[in-house]
Amino acid sequence: MIFFGWHKNLLQYSVMQNEQPPSPNKSEPTLEKVLLTLYREQRRDRYWRWGWRGIFLFLIVVFIGVLPWQHMGDVRVTSSEPHTALIRLNGIVTDQYDTGSTMSTVLESLQEAFEHQQTRGVILAINSPGGSPTYARRIYNKILWLRSEHADIPIYVVIEDIGASAAYYISLAGDAIYADGSSLVGSIGVRSGSFGLVDMMKKLGIERRLYVAGEHKGFLDPFSPEDKAAIGVWRQTLESIHRQFIDIVKERRTELSQDDQYLFSGLVWDGKESLRLGLIDGFGEVDSIARDVVGIENIVDFTAQRSLLDEIGFSLGAGIAATMHRWLYESIAVH
């Protein structure tokens, strides 16, 4: 403070004498600059210190608030009255979190529903275009096993918007299948798709370099010429899976009205045509089946959901992946 006052008086004296004030040496920092720099560094360090403290405190508060709810995805229904258990299967039949219902959650829900003492019937509401035949078979087998363990609890399938392919496979485990007149049902077939980009690569002057151990390891590579021998084996594999599907349909639906060539061609029909073909047993939706078929209007939803921690983890992971993708894209674009 003494220096600042002295420096100010010196400038005033110089002006009064009509003389130019002495110019500071630019090569040497003045005391004002040194003190200002120190002040800014201390303030920046203080901001960072309080910022990290705030983040740490926020994380503690979040986890304290989440812990009581971390099992909210588990099925823990406490119903003291007789009820119809509802389980929803939405989206592609797989075991990935970002596609809707997963195989794991459906299996968990089925287990809880059948084992509840007040369950008088189970409704599996399906809205799915299909998916993995392996996961479909696991859910199908689980339903049959639960029915054998709980012979007094029937299970009915309600196809809502669509129940096709692997989803229809699962519905075959029900004691009866119901749908709406405009529901889409069927698609009893197996598919495998890819692209052939060899000619386009030739036009662009791009050479494909694929290294494999195993003569036919890359037979589905869209950038390589089609491997005729391997494709023949692949078709046989698809036909085998298709035959397994057909056998299950014939075993569970004994009143089919059409021959194999039409019914098992992979076509999809609406609810009215599906009823005529023998693919479903009648029309209905969740409330009407609970009321008129099960005889218990009290519906309890046993559908397991992802826990809050899973939701946070999935969202955080998706956010990190999106950020990394953007950074990678920007770095490539800039350089």
Protein backbone atom coordinates (compact mmCIF):
# COMPACT_ATOMS: atom_id res chain seq x y z
CA MET A 1 0.00 0.00 0.00
CA ILE A 2 2.86 2.39 0.72
CA PHE A 3 4.33 1.70 -2.68
CA PHE A 4 1.02 2.30 -4.51
CA GLY A 5 0.62 5.67 -2.75
CA TRP A 6 4.18 6.70 -3.51
CA HIS A 7 3.89 5.68 -7.14
CA LYS A 8 0.71 7.74 -7.53
CA ASN A 9 2.34 10.84 -6.01
CA LEU A 10 5.34 10.44 -8.29
CA LEU A 11 3.13 10.47 -11.38
CA GLN A 12 1.30 13.58 -10.20
CA TYR A 13 4.62 15.36 -9.56
CA SER A 14 5.88 14.46 -13.02
CA VAL A 15 2.79 15.85 -14.68
CA MET A 16 3.05 19.05 -12.71
CA GLN A 17 6.60 19.48 -13.95
CA ASN A 18 5.40 18.86 -17.54
CA GLU A 19 7.62 15.87 -17.70
CA GLN A 20 6.81 12.39 -18.94
CA PRO A 21 6.58 9.81 -16.16
CA PRO A 22 9.32 7.26 -16.24
CA SER A 23 8.24 4.27 -18.35
CA PRO A 24 8.54 0.99 -16.56
CA ASN A 25 10.98 -1.53 -17.88
CA LYS A 26 8.87 -4.03 -19.79
CA SER A 27 11.45 -6.73 -19.32
CA GLU A 28 10.99 -6.67 -15.55
CA PRO A 29 7.57 -7.33 -14.00
CA THR A 30 6.27 -4.60 -11.75
CA LEU A 31 5.14 -5.37 -8.24
CA GLU A 32 1.52 -4.72 -9.25
CA LYS A 33 1.69 -7.44 -11.89
CA VAL A 34 3.33 -9.89 -9.52
CA LEU A 35 0.74 -9.31 -6.83
CA LEU A 36 -2.13 -9.46 -9.34
CA THR A 37 -0.83 -12.75 -10.73
CA LEU A 38 -0.54 -14.25 -7.27
CA TYR A 39 -4.05 -13.09 -6.42
CA ARG A 40 -5.50 -14.65 -9.59
CA GLU A 41 -3.72 -17.94 -8.97
CA GLN A 42 -4.96 -18.10 -5.41
CA ARG A 43 -8.50 -17.34 -6.51
CA ARG A 44 -8.35 -20.00 -9.22
CA ASP A 45 -7.03 -22.57 -6.77
CA ARG A 46 -9.81 -21.66 -4.35
CA TYR A 47 -12.46 -22.08 -7.05
CA TRP A 48 -11.09 -25.49 -8.04
CA ARG A 49 -10.89 -26.62 -4.41
CA TRP A 50 -14.48 -25.64 -3.69
CA GLY A 51 -15.59 -27.05 -7.02
CA TRP A 52 -14.20 -30.51 -6.24
CA ARG A 53 -15.67 -30.36 -2.76
CA GLY A 54 -19.06 -29.58 -4.27
CA ILE A 55 -18.82 -32.49 -6.71
CA PHE A 56 -17.80 -34.87 -3.93
CA LEU A 57 -20.66 -33.69 -1.74
CA PHE A 58 -23.11 -34.07 -4.64
CA LEU A 59 -22.02 -37.68 -5.24
CA ILE A 60 -22.44 -38.49 -1.56
CA VAL A 61 -25.96 -37.05 -1.56
CA VAL A 62 -26.88 -38.94 -4.75
CA PHE A 63 -25.68 -42.30 -3.44
CA ILE A 64 -27.34 -41.78 -0.08
CA GLY A 65 -30.58 -41.05 -1.89
CA VAL A 66 -30.18 -43.96 -4.33
CA LEU A 67 -29.23 -46.72 -1.91
CA PRO A 68 -32.74 -47.19 -0.51
CA TRP A 69 -34.02 -47.53 -4.09
CA GLN A 70 -31.27 -49.62 -5.60
CA HIS A 71 -33.47 -52.73 -5.55
CA MET A 72 -36.50 -51.05 -7.07
CA GLY A 73 -36.00 -53.13 -10.20
CA ASP A 74 -36.51 -56.37 -8.30
CA VAL A 75 -39.96 -57.92 -8.25
CA ARG A 76 -41.11 -57.68 -4.64
CA VAL A 77 -44.89 -57.55 -4.88
CA THR A 78 -46.72 -57.54 -1.56
CA SER A 79 -50.32 -58.29 -2.47
CA SER A 80 -52.55 -59.78 0.22
CA GLU A 81 -55.51 -60.43 -2.09
CA PRO A 82 -56.00 -62.93 -4.91
CA HIS A 83 -54.85 -61.38 -8.16
CA THR A 84 -54.04 -61.89 -11.80
CA ALA A 85 -50.30 -61.44 -12.32
CA LEU A 86 -49.29 -59.34 -15.32
CA ILE A 87 -45.92 -59.55 -17.06
CA ARG A 88 -45.03 -57.42 -20.05
CA LEU A 89 -42.59 -58.41 -22.77
CA ASN A 90 -41.83 -55.38 -24.95
CA GLY A 91 -39.28 -54.88 -27.69
CA ILE A 92 -36.82 -57.24 -29.30
CA VAL A 93 -36.30 -60.62 -27.63
CA THR A 94 -32.72 -60.29 -26.45
CA ASP A 95 -30.80 -59.64 -23.25
CA GLN A 96 -29.63 -56.08 -23.89
CA TYR A 97 -30.85 -53.24 -21.71
CA ASP A 98 -31.49 -50.77 -24.53
CA THR A 99 -34.08 -52.83 -26.38
CA GLY A 100 -36.96 -52.95 -23.91
CA SER A 101 -37.68 -56.04 -21.83
CA THR A 102 -34.76 -58.41 -21.45
CA MET A 103 -34.72 -62.17 -21.14
CA SER A 104 -33.37 -61.90 -17.60
CA THR A 105 -36.12 -59.56 -16.40
CA VAL A 106 -38.85 -61.68 -18.03
CA LEU A 107 -37.54 -64.86 -16.40
CA GLU A 108 -37.33 -63.12 -13.03
CA SER A 109 -40.84 -61.75 -13.39
CA LEU A 110 -42.27 -65.14 -14.33
CA GLN A 111 -40.62 -66.78 -11.32
CA GLU A 112 -41.98 -64.21 -8.89
CA ALA A 113 -45.48 -64.26 -10.39
CA PHE A 114 -45.91 -68.04 -10.20
CA GLU A 115 -44.44 -68.31 -6.72
CA HIS A 116 -46.63 -65.62 -5.17
CA GLN A 117 -49.22 -67.21 -2.90
CA GLN A 118 -52.07 -64.98 -4.09
CA THR A 119 -51.54 -65.47 -7.84
CA ARG A 120 -54.53 -67.14 -9.46
CA GLY A 121 -53.47 -66.72 -13.07
CA VAL A 122 -50.71 -65.12 -15.15
CA ILE A 123 -51.04 -62.94 -18.24
CA LEU A 124 -48.02 -62.46 -20.48
CA ALA A 125 -48.65 -59.33 -22.56
CA ILE A 126 -46.43 -59.38 -25.66
CA ASN A 127 -45.56 -56.50 -27.95
CA SER A 128 -42.49 -57.66 -29.85
CA PRO A 129 -41.41 -58.16 -33.48
CA GLY A 130 -39.18 -61.09 -32.54
CA GLY A 131 -35.50 -61.55 -31.85
CA SER A 132 -33.13 -64.29 -30.73
CA PRO A 133 -34.40 -67.86 -31.13
CA THR A 134 -32.14 -68.95 -28.28
CA TYR A 135 -33.55 -66.43 -25.80
CA ALA A 136 -37.07 -67.21 -27.01
CA ARG A 137 -36.56 -70.91 -26.33
CA ARG A 138 -35.24 -70.17 -22.82
CA ILE A 139 -38.33 -68.13 -21.95
CA TYR A 140 -40.57 -70.78 -23.55
CA ASN A 141 -38.94 -73.58 -21.53
CA LYS A 142 -39.15 -71.51 -18.34
CA ILE A 143 -42.89 -71.06 -18.77
CA LEU A 144 -43.45 -74.78 -19.34
CA TRP A 145 -41.38 -75.64 -16.26
CA LEU A 146 -43.27 -73.15 -14.07
CA ARG A 147 -46.58 -74.53 -15.30
CA SER A 148 -45.47 -78.04 -14.33
CA GLU A 149 -44.45 -76.80 -10.88
CA HIS A 150 -47.66 -74.78 -10.38
CA ALA A 151 -50.33 -76.80 -12.13
CA ASP A 152 -53.14 -74.75 -10.59
CA ILE A 153 -51.93 -71.44 -12.10
CA PRO A 154 -52.73 -70.99 -15.81
CA ILE A 155 -50.85 -68.59 -18.04
CA TYR A 156 -52.46 -66.74 -20.94
CA VAL A 157 -50.71 -64.77 -23.65
CA VAL A 158 -52.12 -61.50 -24.94
CA ILE A 159 -50.55 -60.26 -28.18
CA GLU A 160 -51.04 -56.51 -28.20
CA ASP A 161 -49.67 -54.68 -31.26
CA ILE A 162 -47.39 -57.40 -32.62
CA GLY A 163 -46.27 -60.88 -31.63
CA ALA A 164 -44.12 -62.22 -34.42
CA SER A 165 -41.24 -64.62 -34.99
CA ALA A 166 -39.42 -65.28 -31.69
CA ALA A 167 -42.20 -63.47 -29.79
CA TYR A 168 -44.78 -65.85 -31.26
CA TYR A 169 -42.48 -68.73 -30.33
CA ILE A 170 -42.72 -67.61 -26.69
CA SER A 171 -46.50 -67.24 -26.89
CA LEU A 172 -46.80 -70.93 -27.76
CA ALA A 173 -46.02 -71.79 -24.13
CA GLY A 174 -49.29 -70.21 -22.97
CA ASP A 175 -52.41 -72.18 -22.21
CA ALA A 176 -54.18 -69.94 -24.72
CA ILE A 177 -53.23 -67.06 -27.00
CA TYR A 178 -55.39 -63.96 -27.43
CA ALA A 179 -54.96 -60.93 -29.66
CA ASP A 180 -56.79 -57.96 -31.10
CA GLY A 181 -58.35 -58.10 -34.54
CA SER A 182 -55.66 -55.72 -35.82
CA SER A 183 -52.72 -57.35 -34.04
CA LEU A 184 -49.90 -58.71 -36.20
CA VAL A 185 -49.21 -62.40 -35.62
CA GLY A 186 -46.98 -65.01 -37.20
CA SER A 187 -43.72 -64.65 -39.11
CA ILE A 188 -42.88 -68.31 -38.54
CA GLY A 189 -39.50 -68.28 -40.20
CA VAL A 190 -35.80 -67.56 -39.75
CA ARG A 191 -33.79 -64.80 -41.42
CA SER A 192 -30.20 -63.69 -41.75
CA GLY A 193 -29.31 -60.55 -43.66
CA SER A 194 -26.22 -58.70 -44.84
CA PHE A 195 -24.95 -56.62 -47.79
CA GLY A 196 -22.68 -57.29 -50.74
CA LEU A 197 -20.38 -54.31 -51.32
CA VAL A 198 -17.69 -55.94 -53.44
CA ASP A 199 -18.59 -54.22 -56.74
CA MET A 200 -18.83 -50.82 -55.07
CA MET A 201 -15.38 -51.27 -53.55
CA LYS A 202 -13.95 -52.14 -56.95
CA LYS A 203 -15.39 -48.92 -58.43
CA LEU A 204 -13.90 -46.90 -55.59
CA GLY A 205 -10.55 -48.64 -55.88
CA ILE A 206 -10.71 -50.08 -52.36
CA GLU A 207 -8.95 -53.34 -51.59
CA ARG A 208 -10.37 -55.58 -48.85
CA ARG A 209 -7.76 -57.13 -46.54
CA LEU A 210 -9.29 -59.76 -44.26
CA TYR A 211 -7.15 -62.18 -42.28
CA VAL A 212 -8.80 -65.25 -40.77
CA ALA A 213 -7.83 -68.55 -39.19
CA GLY A 214 -10.29 -71.03 -40.64
CA GLU A 215 -11.14 -71.34 -44.32
CA HIS A 216 -14.72 -70.05 -44.03
CA LYS A 217 -14.40 -67.81 -40.96
CA GLY A 218 -15.26 -64.64 -42.89
CA PHE A 219 -18.01 -66.08 -45.07
CA LEU A 220 -20.55 -63.43 -43.96
CA ASP A 221 -18.19 -60.51 -44.52
CA PRO A 222 -20.06 -58.02 -46.77
CA PHE A 223 -16.80 -56.69 -48.26
CA SER A 224 -15.60 -60.07 -49.54
CA PRO A 225 -16.92 -62.20 -52.42
CA GLU A 226 -19.65 -64.64 -51.41
CA ASP A 227 -18.38 -68.02 -50.24
CA LYS A 228 -20.73 -70.40 -52.06
CA ALA A 229 -19.75 -73.50 -50.09
CA ALA A 230 -20.10 -71.78 -46.72
CA ILE A 231 -23.41 -70.18 -47.71
CA GLY A 232 -24.78 -73.65 -48.49
CA VAL A 233 -23.95 -74.80 -44.98
CA TRP A 234 -25.41 -71.58 -43.55
CA ARG A 235 -28.69 -72.20 -45.35
CA GLN A 236 -28.85 -75.65 -43.84
CA THR A 237 -28.37 -74.10 -40.40
CA LEU A 238 -31.23 -71.67 -40.97
CA GLU A 239 -33.43 -74.52 -42.22
CA SER A 240 -32.64 -76.52 -39.09
CA ILE A 241 -33.64 -73.64 -36.80
CA HIS A 242 -36.78 -73.14 -38.90
CA ARG A 243 -37.68 -76.82 -38.56
CA GLN A 244 -37.37 -76.58 -34.77
CA PHE A 245 -39.75 -73.61 -34.83
CA ILE A 246 -42.23 -75.49 -37.02
CA ASP A 247 -42.15 -78.54 -34.76
CA ILE A 248 -43.00 -76.42 -31.71
CA VAL A 249 -45.89 -74.76 -33.55
CA LYS A 250 -47.33 -78.11 -34.62
CA GLU A 251 -46.91 -79.53 -31.14
CA ARG A 252 -48.64 -76.64 -29.38
CA ARG A 253 -51.20 -75.63 -32.02
CA THR A 254 -52.98 -78.82 -32.99
CA GLU A 255 -55.76 -77.21 -35.04
CA LEU A 256 -53.81 -75.46 -37.80
CA SER A 257 -55.83 -75.06 -40.97
CA GLN A 258 -53.15 -74.54 -43.62
CA ASP A 259 -50.29 -76.51 -45.10
CA ASP A 260 -46.65 -75.90 -44.24
CA GLN A 261 -45.81 -73.99 -47.40
CA TYR A 262 -48.23 -71.18 -46.56
CA LEU A 263 -48.35 -71.16 -42.77
CA PHE A 264 -44.61 -71.49 -42.21
CA SER A 265 -43.47 -69.19 -45.00
CA GLY A 266 -42.64 -66.24 -42.73
CA LEU A 267 -45.81 -64.29 -43.52
CA VAL A 268 -47.56 -62.11 -40.93
CA TRP A 269 -51.35 -61.94 -40.55
CA ASP A 270 -53.77 -59.76 -38.64
CA GLY A 271 -55.69 -61.06 -35.66
CA LYS A 272 -58.79 -62.11 -37.59
CA GLU A 273 -56.81 -64.14 -40.11
CA SER A 274 -54.66 -65.58 -37.33
CA LEU A 275 -57.77 -66.86 -35.59
CA ARG A 276 -58.97 -68.49 -38.80
CA LEU A 277 -55.58 -70.11 -39.33
CA GLY A 278 -55.52 -71.45 -35.78
CA LEU A 279 -52.57 -69.37 -34.58
CA ILE A 280 -54.56 -67.79 -31.73
CA ASP A 281 -57.54 -68.86 -29.63
CA GLY A 282 -59.62 -65.71 -29.55
CA PHE A 283 -59.80 -61.96 -29.11
CA GLY A 284 -59.12 -60.11 -25.90
CA GLU A 285 -56.87 -57.72 -24.02
CA VAL A 286 -55.34 -57.75 -20.57
CA ASP A 287 -58.36 -56.47 -18.62
CA SER A 288 -60.90 -58.66 -20.39
CA ILE A 289 -58.78 -61.82 -20.05
CA ALA A 290 -58.26 -61.16 -16.34
CA ARG A 291 -61.98 -60.59 -15.85
CA ASP A 292 -63.53 -63.17 -18.16
CA VAL A 293 -60.93 -65.95 -18.37
CA VAL A 294 -58.93 -65.88 -15.15
CA GLY A 295 -61.92 -64.60 -13.20
CA ILE A 296 -59.86 -62.18 -11.09
CA GLU A 297 -60.14 -58.52 -12.05
CA ASN A 298 -57.47 -57.45 -9.58
CA ILE A 299 -54.34 -57.13 -11.76
CA VAL A 300 -50.88 -56.87 -10.18
CA ASP A 301 -47.95 -55.96 -12.44
CA PHE A 302 -44.97 -58.25 -11.80
CA THR A 303 -42.88 -56.85 -14.64
CA ALA A 304 -39.33 -56.31 -13.38
CA GLN A 305 -37.71 -53.03 -14.30
CA ARG A 306 -34.10 -51.94 -14.30
CA SER A 307 -33.04 -50.66 -10.91
CA LEU A 308 -32.32 -46.97 -10.48
CA LEU A 309 -28.60 -47.70 -10.24
CA ASP A 310 -28.81 -49.65 -13.51
CA GLU A 311 -30.63 -46.74 -15.12
CA ILE A 312 -28.00 -44.29 -13.89
CA GLY A 313 -25.18 -46.59 -14.99
CA PHE A 314 -26.74 -47.17 -18.40
CA SER A 315 -27.36 -43.45 -18.95
CA LEU A 316 -23.87 -42.58 -17.75
CA GLY A 317 -22.32 -45.22 -19.97
CA ALA A 318 -24.33 -44.03 -22.97
CA GLY A 319 -23.30 -40.45 -22.25
CA ILE A 320 -19.63 -41.34 -21.98
CA ALA A 321 -19.81 -43.37 -25.18
CA ALA A 322 -21.48 -40.49 -27.02
CA THR A 323 -18.88 -38.04 -25.71
CA MET A 324 -15.98 -40.28 -26.69
CA HIS A 325 -17.51 -40.75 -30.13
CA ARG A 326 -17.85 -36.98 -30.56
CA TRP A 327 -14.27 -36.35 -29.42
CA LEU A 328 -12.97 -39.04 -31.73
CA TYR A 329 -14.95 -37.67 -34.64
CA GLU A 330 -13.79 -34.12 -33.99
CA SER A 331 -10.17 -35.18 -33.68
CA ILE A 332 -10.38 -37.05 -36.96
CA ALA A 333 -12.18 -34.17 -38.66
CA VAL A 334 -9.62 -31.61 -37.47
CA HIS A 335 -6.56 -33.63 -38.31
